[in-house]
Amino acid sequence: MKTIGLIGGLSWESTVPYYQHLNLLARDTFGGLHSAPIVLWSFDFAEIEALQAEGDWTGAAERMADAGQRLAQAGAEVMVIASNTMHRMAGHVEAAAGVPLVHIADATAEAIRADGSLHPVLLGTKYTMEGAFYRGRMTDLGLDVRLPDEAGRARVHDVIYDELCRGVITSAARADYVDIIDHAVERGADSVIFGCTEVGLLLGQDDVGVPVFDSTRIHAEAAFRLAAAEALSGAS
């Protein structure tokens, strides 16, 4: 199995599920004491969040590219950014690392289309919801991505940074997210994208009446398939 380079700490709260999913997949696929070969670069998220808030995406791209390069030097053969928002600079990371990067929007869009959904509502940071780098990519793949209204987008974003990235899970936030999803469904959405890697810490399929696509889990599964492809081919 190829070594996975994981850029985490964006925030670390969602890096933990990535690490867990990847290792569970390795154990369940290969059996015994197998786990996934992973090299991890974990940022101090306060530094990255400050760059986001300032709109310094060039500075953020430089930091991300440096992390990708360091992981490649440490032996990474497949690159994973454990964040939806920071895929804004996915191209910089892949170019600096020189190894294939598994794009979270591509993997999530593929899962949505395979399910037969076409009109998902996207929940994520304001940068992900309102930027073209994510929705535009999904649109190119044939999806009609919906957004919450302005107040809904603000609430989704604030919960992510003020609560989920700090390990705070509340029933009030869960109820607000469900209400935002319900309103989107009333307006024609047929599914929901957990388009921030922390959203799955708050909600699950049992909380929502339409299909849920958790980008964290989907992304980890796609990365594992790529990293394990040669090993599985050889086994067969």
C-alpha atoms as a PDB file:
ATOM      1  CA  MET A   1       0.000   0.000   0.000  1.00  0.00           C
ATOM      2  CA  LYS A   2       1.274   3.476  -0.870  1.00  0.00           C
ATOM      3  CA  THR A   3       2.043   5.966   1.878  1.00  0.00           C
ATOM      4  CA  ILE A   4      -0.613   8.651   2.361  1.00  0.00           C
ATOM      5  CA  GLY A   5       0.481  12.211   3.074  1.00  0.00           C
ATOM      6  CA  LEU A   6      -2.165  13.854   5.238  1.00  0.00           C
ATOM      7  CA  ILE A   7      -2.233  17.639   5.647  1.00  0.00           C
ATOM      8  CA  GLY A   8      -4.214  18.107   8.838  1.00  0.00           C
ATOM      9  CA  GLY A   9      -4.789  20.468  11.712  1.00  0.00           C
ATOM     10  CA  LEU A  10      -7.364  22.301   9.583  1.00  0.00           C
ATOM     11  CA  SER A  11      -8.800  21.807  12.239  1.00  0.00           C
ATOM     12  CA  TRP A  12      -7.362  18.879  14.177  1.00  0.00           C
ATOM     13  CA  GLU A  13     -10.875  17.939  15.294  1.00  0.00           C
ATOM     14  CA  SER A  14     -11.548  16.554  11.815  1.00  0.00           C
ATOM     15  CA  THR A  15      -8.022  15.217  11.311  1.00  0.00           C
ATOM     16  CA  VAL A  16      -8.779  12.571  13.927  1.00  0.00           C
ATOM     17  CA  PRO A  17     -11.678  11.043  11.915  1.00  0.00           C
ATOM     18  CA  TYR A  18      -9.481  11.007   8.794  1.00  0.00           C
ATOM     19  CA  TYR A  19      -6.777   9.065  10.631  1.00  0.00           C
ATOM     20  CA  GLN A  20      -9.360   6.714  12.105  1.00  0.00           C
ATOM     21  CA  HIS A  21     -11.203   6.098   8.806  1.00  0.00           C
ATOM     22  CA  LEU A  22      -7.986   5.376   6.903  1.00  0.00           C
ATOM     23  CA  ASN A  23      -6.753   2.912   9.498  1.00  0.00           C
ATOM     24  CA  LEU A  24     -10.118   1.177   9.833  1.00  0.00           C
ATOM     25  CA  LEU A  25     -10.221   0.735   6.063  1.00  0.00           C
ATOM     26  CA  ALA A  26      -6.723  -0.784   6.091  1.00  0.00           C
ATOM     27  CA  ARG A  27      -7.624  -3.132   8.935  1.00  0.00           C
ATOM     28  CA  ASP A  28     -10.916  -4.216   7.380  1.00  0.00           C
ATOM     29  CA  THR A  29      -9.390  -4.636   3.925  1.00  0.00           C
ATOM     30  CA  PHE A  30      -6.133  -6.390   4.749  1.00  0.00           C
ATOM     31  CA  GLY A  31      -7.023  -7.952   8.107  1.00  0.00           C
ATOM     32  CA  GLY A  32      -4.824  -8.840  11.034  1.00  0.00           C
ATOM     33  CA  LEU A  33      -2.751  -6.016  12.468  1.00  0.00           C
ATOM     34  CA  HIS A  34      -2.643  -3.992   9.270  1.00  0.00           C
ATOM     35  CA  SER A  35      -2.997  -0.215   9.402  1.00  0.00           C
ATOM     36  CA  ALA A  36      -2.495   2.549   6.878  1.00  0.00           C
ATOM     37  CA  PRO A  37       0.990   3.996   6.227  1.00  0.00           C
ATOM     38  CA  ILE A  38       0.470   7.715   6.861  1.00  0.00           C
ATOM     39  CA  VAL A  39       2.746  10.718   7.241  1.00  0.00           C
ATOM     40  CA  LEU A  40       1.005  13.685   8.850  1.00  0.00           C
ATOM     41  CA  TRP A  41       1.643  17.407   8.768  1.00  0.00           C
ATOM     42  CA  SER A  42      -0.583  19.086  11.343  1.00  0.00           C
ATOM     43  CA  PHE A  43      -0.880  22.878  11.254  1.00  0.00           C
ATOM     44  CA  ASP A  44      -1.535  25.223  14.136  1.00  0.00           C
ATOM     45  CA  PHE A  45      -4.992  26.123  12.853  1.00  0.00           C
ATOM     46  CA  ALA A  46      -5.009  29.525  14.556  1.00  0.00           C
ATOM     47  CA  GLU A  47      -2.292  30.611  12.115  1.00  0.00           C
ATOM     48  CA  ILE A  48      -4.193  29.325   9.085  1.00  0.00           C
ATOM     49  CA  GLU A  49      -7.515  30.797  10.265  1.00  0.00           C
ATOM     50  CA  ALA A  50      -5.854  34.215  10.610  1.00  0.00           C
ATOM     51  CA  LEU A  51      -4.726  34.026   6.970  1.00  0.00           C
ATOM     52  CA  GLN A  52      -8.246  33.022   5.905  1.00  0.00           C
ATOM     53  CA  ALA A  53      -9.843  35.890   7.834  1.00  0.00           C
ATOM     54  CA  GLU A  54      -7.386  38.365   6.324  1.00  0.00           C
ATOM     55  CA  GLY A  55      -8.057  37.051   2.828  1.00  0.00           C
ATOM     56  CA  ASP A  56      -4.372  36.193   2.481  1.00  0.00           C
ATOM     57  CA  TRP A  57      -4.903  33.159   0.291  1.00  0.00           C
ATOM     58  CA  THR A  58      -1.449  33.600  -1.252  1.00  0.00           C
ATOM     59  CA  GLY A  59       0.137  33.219   2.150  1.00  0.00           C
ATOM     60  CA  ALA A  60      -2.076  30.233   2.908  1.00  0.00           C
ATOM     61  CA  ALA A  61      -1.145  28.643  -0.420  1.00  0.00           C
ATOM     62  CA  GLU A  62       2.547  29.048   0.373  1.00  0.00           C
ATOM     63  CA  ARG A  63       2.088  27.339   3.744  1.00  0.00           C
ATOM     64  CA  MET A  64       0.067  24.524   2.201  1.00  0.00           C
ATOM     65  CA  ALA A  65       2.521  23.972  -0.646  1.00  0.00           C
ATOM     66  CA  ASP A  66       5.381  23.806   1.849  1.00  0.00           C
ATOM     67  CA  ALA A  67       3.485  21.166   3.849  1.00  0.00           C
ATOM     68  CA  GLY A  68       2.872  19.120   0.714  1.00  0.00           C
ATOM     69  CA  GLN A  69       6.522  19.276  -0.245  1.00  0.00           C
ATOM     70  CA  ARG A  70       7.626  18.231   3.240  1.00  0.00           C
ATOM     71  CA  LEU A  71       5.256  15.263   3.209  1.00  0.00           C
ATOM     72  CA  ALA A  72       6.528  14.135  -0.182  1.00  0.00           C
ATOM     73  CA  GLN A  73      10.091  14.357   1.119  1.00  0.00           C
ATOM     74  CA  ALA A  74       8.990  12.210   4.063  1.00  0.00           C
ATOM     75  CA  GLY A  75       7.778   9.511   1.672  1.00  0.00           C
ATOM     76  CA  ALA A  76       4.158  10.395   0.853  1.00  0.00           C
ATOM     77  CA  GLU A  77       2.969   8.893  -2.439  1.00  0.00           C
ATOM     78  CA  VAL A  78      -0.673  10.053  -2.278  1.00  0.00           C
ATOM     79  CA  MET A  79      -1.633  13.513  -0.997  1.00  0.00           C
ATOM     80  CA  VAL A  80      -4.730  14.339   1.073  1.00  0.00           C
ATOM     81  CA  ILE A  81      -5.800  17.766   2.365  1.00  0.00           C
ATOM     82  CA  ALA A  82      -8.022  17.143   5.399  1.00  0.00           C
ATOM     83  CA  SER A  83     -10.179  20.211   4.756  1.00  0.00           C
ATOM     84  CA  ASN A  84     -12.710  21.313   2.166  1.00  0.00           C
ATOM     85  CA  THR A  85     -11.846  25.005   2.355  1.00  0.00           C
ATOM     86  CA  MET A  86      -8.120  24.485   1.892  1.00  0.00           C
ATOM     87  CA  HIS A  87      -8.731  22.689  -1.394  1.00  0.00           C
ATOM     88  CA  ARG A  88      -8.795  26.223  -2.723  1.00  0.00           C
ATOM     89  CA  MET A  89      -5.026  25.715  -3.112  1.00  0.00           C
ATOM     90  CA  ALA A  90      -5.095  22.027  -4.069  1.00  0.00           C
ATOM     91  CA  GLY A  91      -3.228  22.755  -7.291  1.00  0.00           C
ATOM     92  CA  HIS A  92      -0.392  24.449  -5.398  1.00  0.00           C
ATOM     93  CA  VAL A  93      -0.078  21.482  -3.051  1.00  0.00           C
ATOM     94  CA  GLU A  94      -0.071  18.895  -5.822  1.00  0.00           C
ATOM     95  CA  ALA A  95       2.500  20.825  -7.852  1.00  0.00           C
ATOM     96  CA  ALA A  96       4.799  21.281  -4.852  1.00  0.00           C
ATOM     97  CA  ALA A  97       4.500  17.679  -3.722  1.00  0.00           C
ATOM     98  CA  GLY A  98       4.806  16.122  -7.137  1.00  0.00           C
ATOM     99  CA  VAL A  99       2.498  13.254  -6.197  1.00  0.00           C
ATOM    100  CA  PRO A 100      -1.208  12.662  -6.953  1.00  0.00           C
ATOM    101  CA  LEU A 101      -3.687  14.588  -4.816  1.00  0.00           C
ATOM    102  CA  VAL A 102      -7.148  13.183  -4.116  1.00  0.00           C
ATOM    103  CA  HIS A 103      -9.547  16.106  -4.515  1.00  0.00           C
ATOM    104  CA  ILE A 104     -12.372  16.150  -1.984  1.00  0.00           C
ATOM    105  CA  ALA A 105     -14.886  17.825  -4.313  1.00  0.00           C
ATOM    106  CA  ASP A 106     -14.295  15.255  -7.056  1.00  0.00           C
ATOM    107  CA  ALA A 107     -14.674  12.316  -4.679  1.00  0.00           C
ATOM    108  CA  THR A 108     -17.820  13.761  -3.100  1.00  0.00           C
ATOM    109  CA  ALA A 109     -19.403  14.637  -6.450  1.00  0.00           C
ATOM    110  CA  GLU A 110     -18.752  11.112  -7.689  1.00  0.00           C
ATOM    111  CA  ALA A 111     -20.505   9.649  -4.640  1.00  0.00           C
ATOM    112  CA  ILE A 112     -23.489  11.975  -5.072  1.00  0.00           C
ATOM    113  CA  ARG A 113     -23.911  11.135  -8.749  1.00  0.00           C
ATOM    114  CA  ALA A 114     -23.569   7.412  -8.046  1.00  0.00           C
ATOM    115  CA  ASP A 115     -26.463   7.739  -5.605  1.00  0.00           C
ATOM    116  CA  GLY A 116     -28.610   9.434  -8.233  1.00  0.00           C
ATOM    117  CA  SER A 117     -28.843  12.792  -6.466  1.00  0.00           C
ATOM    118  CA  LEU A 118     -28.355  15.947  -8.522  1.00  0.00           C
ATOM    119  CA  HIS A 119     -29.408  18.901  -6.339  1.00  0.00           C
ATOM    120  CA  PRO A 120     -27.433  18.789  -3.078  1.00  0.00           C
ATOM    121  CA  VAL A 121     -27.368  21.639  -0.597  1.00  0.00           C
ATOM    122  CA  LEU A 122     -23.830  22.460   0.492  1.00  0.00           C
ATOM    123  CA  LEU A 123     -22.977  23.135   4.149  1.00  0.00           C
ATOM    124  CA  GLY A 124     -19.483  24.425   4.784  1.00  0.00           C
ATOM    125  CA  THR A 125     -17.463  27.492   5.636  1.00  0.00           C
ATOM    126  CA  LYS A 126     -18.424  30.706   3.869  1.00  0.00           C
ATOM    127  CA  TYR A 127     -15.242  30.316   1.822  1.00  0.00           C
ATOM    128  CA  THR A 128     -16.364  26.922   0.537  1.00  0.00           C
ATOM    129  CA  MET A 129     -20.037  27.788   0.079  1.00  0.00           C
ATOM    130  CA  GLU A 130     -19.484  31.111  -1.657  1.00  0.00           C
ATOM    131  CA  GLY A 131     -16.259  30.433  -3.577  1.00  0.00           C
ATOM    132  CA  ALA A 132     -16.133  29.058  -7.114  1.00  0.00           C
ATOM    133  CA  PHE A 133     -13.282  26.620  -6.461  1.00  0.00           C
ATOM    134  CA  TYR A 134     -15.603  24.008  -4.921  1.00  0.00           C
ATOM    135  CA  ARG A 135     -19.112  24.509  -6.304  1.00  0.00           C
ATOM    136  CA  GLY A 136     -17.722  25.267  -9.757  1.00  0.00           C
ATOM    137  CA  ARG A 137     -15.875  21.982  -9.802  1.00  0.00           C
ATOM    138  CA  MET A 138     -19.047  20.121  -8.844  1.00  0.00           C
ATOM    139  CA  THR A 139     -21.068  22.030 -11.431  1.00  0.00           C
ATOM    140  CA  ASP A 140     -18.592  20.902 -14.078  1.00  0.00           C
ATOM    141  CA  LEU A 141     -19.266  17.338 -12.914  1.00  0.00           C
ATOM    142  CA  GLY A 142     -23.009  17.734 -13.523  1.00  0.00           C
ATOM    143  CA  LEU A 143     -24.379  18.727 -10.117  1.00  0.00           C
ATOM    144  CA  ASP A 144     -26.744  21.588  -9.311  1.00  0.00           C
ATOM    145  CA  VAL A 145     -25.299  22.626  -5.960  1.00  0.00           C
ATOM    146  CA  ARG A 146     -27.669  24.649  -3.764  1.00  0.00           C
ATOM    147  CA  LEU A 147     -26.756  26.980  -0.896  1.00  0.00           C
ATOM    148  CA  PRO A 148     -28.551  28.063   2.276  1.00  0.00           C
ATOM    149  CA  ASP A 149     -29.782  31.644   2.304  1.00  0.00           C
ATOM    150  CA  GLU A 150     -27.494  34.384   3.619  1.00  0.00           C
ATOM    151  CA  ALA A 151     -28.557  33.981   7.253  1.00  0.00           C
ATOM    152  CA  GLY A 152     -28.237  30.213   6.975  1.00  0.00           C
ATOM    153  CA  ARG A 153     -24.744  30.473   5.495  1.00  0.00           C
ATOM    154  CA  ALA A 154     -23.672  32.760   8.322  1.00  0.00           C
ATOM    155  CA  ARG A 155     -24.993  30.371  10.963  1.00  0.00           C
ATOM    156  CA  VAL A 156     -23.358  27.333   9.351  1.00  0.00           C
ATOM    157  CA  HIS A 157     -20.013  29.145   9.142  1.00  0.00           C
ATOM    158  CA  ASP A 158     -20.137  30.477  12.700  1.00  0.00           C
ATOM    159  CA  VAL A 159     -20.922  27.061  14.174  1.00  0.00           C
ATOM    160  CA  ILE A 160     -17.930  25.578  12.371  1.00  0.00           C
ATOM    161  CA  TYR A 161     -15.398  28.107  13.667  1.00  0.00           C
ATOM    162  CA  ASP A 162     -16.903  28.990  17.033  1.00  0.00           C
ATOM    163  CA  GLU A 163     -17.967  25.497  18.047  1.00  0.00           C
ATOM    164  CA  LEU A 164     -16.973  22.466  15.947  1.00  0.00           C
ATOM    165  CA  CYS A 165     -13.330  23.454  15.439  1.00  0.00           C
ATOM    166  CA  ARG A 166     -13.140  23.905  19.207  1.00  0.00           C
ATOM    167  CA  GLY A 167     -14.677  20.513  19.991  1.00  0.00           C
ATOM    168  CA  VAL A 168     -18.000  22.002  21.080  1.00  0.00           C
ATOM    169  CA  ILE A 169     -21.102  20.025  20.056  1.00  0.00           C
ATOM    170  CA  THR A 170     -24.511  21.439  21.001  1.00  0.00           C
ATOM    171  CA  SER A 171     -28.097  20.415  20.422  1.00  0.00           C
ATOM    172  CA  ALA A 172     -28.904  24.018  19.452  1.00  0.00           C
ATOM    173  CA  ALA A 173     -26.413  23.949  16.587  1.00  0.00           C
ATOM    174  CA  ARG A 174     -27.710  20.548  15.473  1.00  0.00           C
ATOM    175  CA  ALA A 175     -31.277  21.836  15.438  1.00  0.00           C
ATOM    176  CA  ASP A 176     -30.257  24.919  13.449  1.00  0.00           C
ATOM    177  CA  TYR A 177     -28.416  22.839  10.865  1.00  0.00           C
ATOM    178  CA  VAL A 178     -31.390  20.490  10.477  1.00  0.00           C
ATOM    179  CA  ASP A 179     -33.677  23.498  10.040  1.00  0.00           C
ATOM    180  CA  ILE A 180     -31.365  24.949   7.369  1.00  0.00           C
ATOM    181  CA  ILE A 181     -31.355  21.624   5.528  1.00  0.00           C
ATOM    182  CA  ASP A 182     -35.140  21.323   5.768  1.00  0.00           C
ATOM    183  CA  HIS A 183     -35.573  24.778   4.237  1.00  0.00           C
ATOM    184  CA  ALA A 184     -33.250  23.829   1.383  1.00  0.00           C
ATOM    185  CA  VAL A 185     -35.224  20.638   0.771  1.00  0.00           C
ATOM    186  CA  GLU A 186     -38.426  22.671   0.637  1.00  0.00           C
ATOM    187  CA  ARG A 187     -36.777  24.690  -2.136  1.00  0.00           C
ATOM    188  CA  GLY A 188     -35.827  21.612  -4.134  1.00  0.00           C
ATOM    189  CA  ALA A 189     -32.624  20.185  -2.668  1.00  0.00           C
ATOM    190  CA  ASP A 190     -32.563  16.389  -2.788  1.00  0.00           C
ATOM    191  CA  SER A 191     -29.529  15.705  -0.578  1.00  0.00           C
ATOM    192  CA  VAL A 192     -26.949  17.434   1.619  1.00  0.00           C
ATOM    193  CA  ILE A 193     -23.179  17.719   1.402  1.00  0.00           C
ATOM    194  CA  PHE A 194     -21.309  17.906   4.680  1.00  0.00           C
ATOM    195  CA  GLY A 195     -18.869  20.215   2.912  1.00  0.00           C
ATOM    196  CA  CYS A 196     -16.782  21.003   5.945  1.00  0.00           C
ATOM    197  CA  THR A 197     -14.800  18.168   7.466  1.00  0.00           C
ATOM    198  CA  GLU A 198     -16.175  18.990  10.940  1.00  0.00           C
ATOM    199  CA  VAL A 199     -19.890  18.844  10.072  1.00  0.00           C
ATOM    200  CA  GLY A 200     -19.979  15.057  10.476  1.00  0.00           C
ATOM    201  CA  LEU A 201     -19.049  15.577  14.125  1.00  0.00           C
ATOM    202  CA  LEU A 202     -22.403  17.315  14.619  1.00  0.00           C
ATOM    203  CA  LEU A 203     -24.824  15.522  12.293  1.00  0.00           C
ATOM    204  CA  GLY A 204     -25.364  12.071  10.816  1.00  0.00           C
ATOM    205  CA  GLN A 205     -27.737  10.419   8.398  1.00  0.00           C
ATOM    206  CA  ASP A 206     -30.199   9.693  11.202  1.00  0.00           C
ATOM    207  CA  ASP A 207     -30.624  13.433  11.795  1.00  0.00           C
ATOM    208  CA  VAL A 208     -31.578  14.278   8.215  1.00  0.00           C
ATOM    209  CA  GLY A 209     -34.456  13.198   5.978  1.00  0.00           C
ATOM    210  CA  VAL A 210     -32.513  13.235   2.685  1.00  0.00           C
ATOM    211  CA  PRO A 211     -29.298  11.433   1.664  1.00  0.00           C
ATOM    212  CA  VAL A 212     -26.215  12.723   3.439  1.00  0.00           C
ATOM    213  CA  PHE A 213     -22.777  12.881   1.815  1.00  0.00           C
ATOM    214  CA  ASP A 214     -20.079  13.285   4.454  1.00  0.00           C
ATOM    215  CA  SER A 215     -17.063  14.661   2.586  1.00  0.00           C
ATOM    216  CA  THR A 216     -14.643  13.522   5.311  1.00  0.00           C
ATOM    217  CA  ARG A 217     -15.593   9.862   5.082  1.00  0.00           C
ATOM    218  CA  ILE A 218     -15.964   9.919   1.281  1.00  0.00           C
ATOM    219  CA  HIS A 219     -12.571  11.616   0.870  1.00  0.00           C
ATOM    220  CA  ALA A 220     -10.818   9.153   3.171  1.00  0.00           C
ATOM    221  CA  GLU A 221     -12.334   6.222   1.273  1.00  0.00           C
ATOM    222  CA  ALA A 222     -11.219   7.657  -2.082  1.00  0.00           C
ATOM    223  CA  ALA A 223      -7.686   8.225  -0.783  1.00  0.00           C
ATOM    224  CA  PHE A 224      -7.541   4.703   0.574  1.00  0.00           C
ATOM    225  CA  ARG A 225      -8.690   3.213  -2.744  1.00  0.00           C
ATOM    226  CA  LEU A 226      -5.918   5.031  -4.588  1.00  0.00           C
ATOM    227  CA  ALA A 227      -3.248   4.179  -2.036  1.00  0.00           C
ATOM    228  CA  ALA A 228      -4.295   0.522  -1.843  1.00  0.00           C
ATOM    229  CA  ALA A 229      -4.981  -0.051  -5.561  1.00  0.00           C
ATOM    230  CA  GLU A 230      -1.688  -1.744  -6.399  1.00  0.00           C
ATOM    231  CA  ALA A 231      -1.714  -3.867  -3.262  1.00  0.00           C
ATOM    232  CA  LEU A 232      -5.261  -5.033  -3.989  1.00  0.00           C
ATOM    233  CA  SER A 233      -4.444  -5.687  -7.635  1.00  0.00           C
ATOM    234  CA  GLY A 234      -1.488  -7.804  -6.632  1.00  0.00           C
ATOM    235  CA  ALA A 235      -3.571  -9.727  -4.126  1.00  0.00           C
ATOM    236  CA  SER A 236      -6.114 -10.641  -6.793  1.00  0.00           C
END
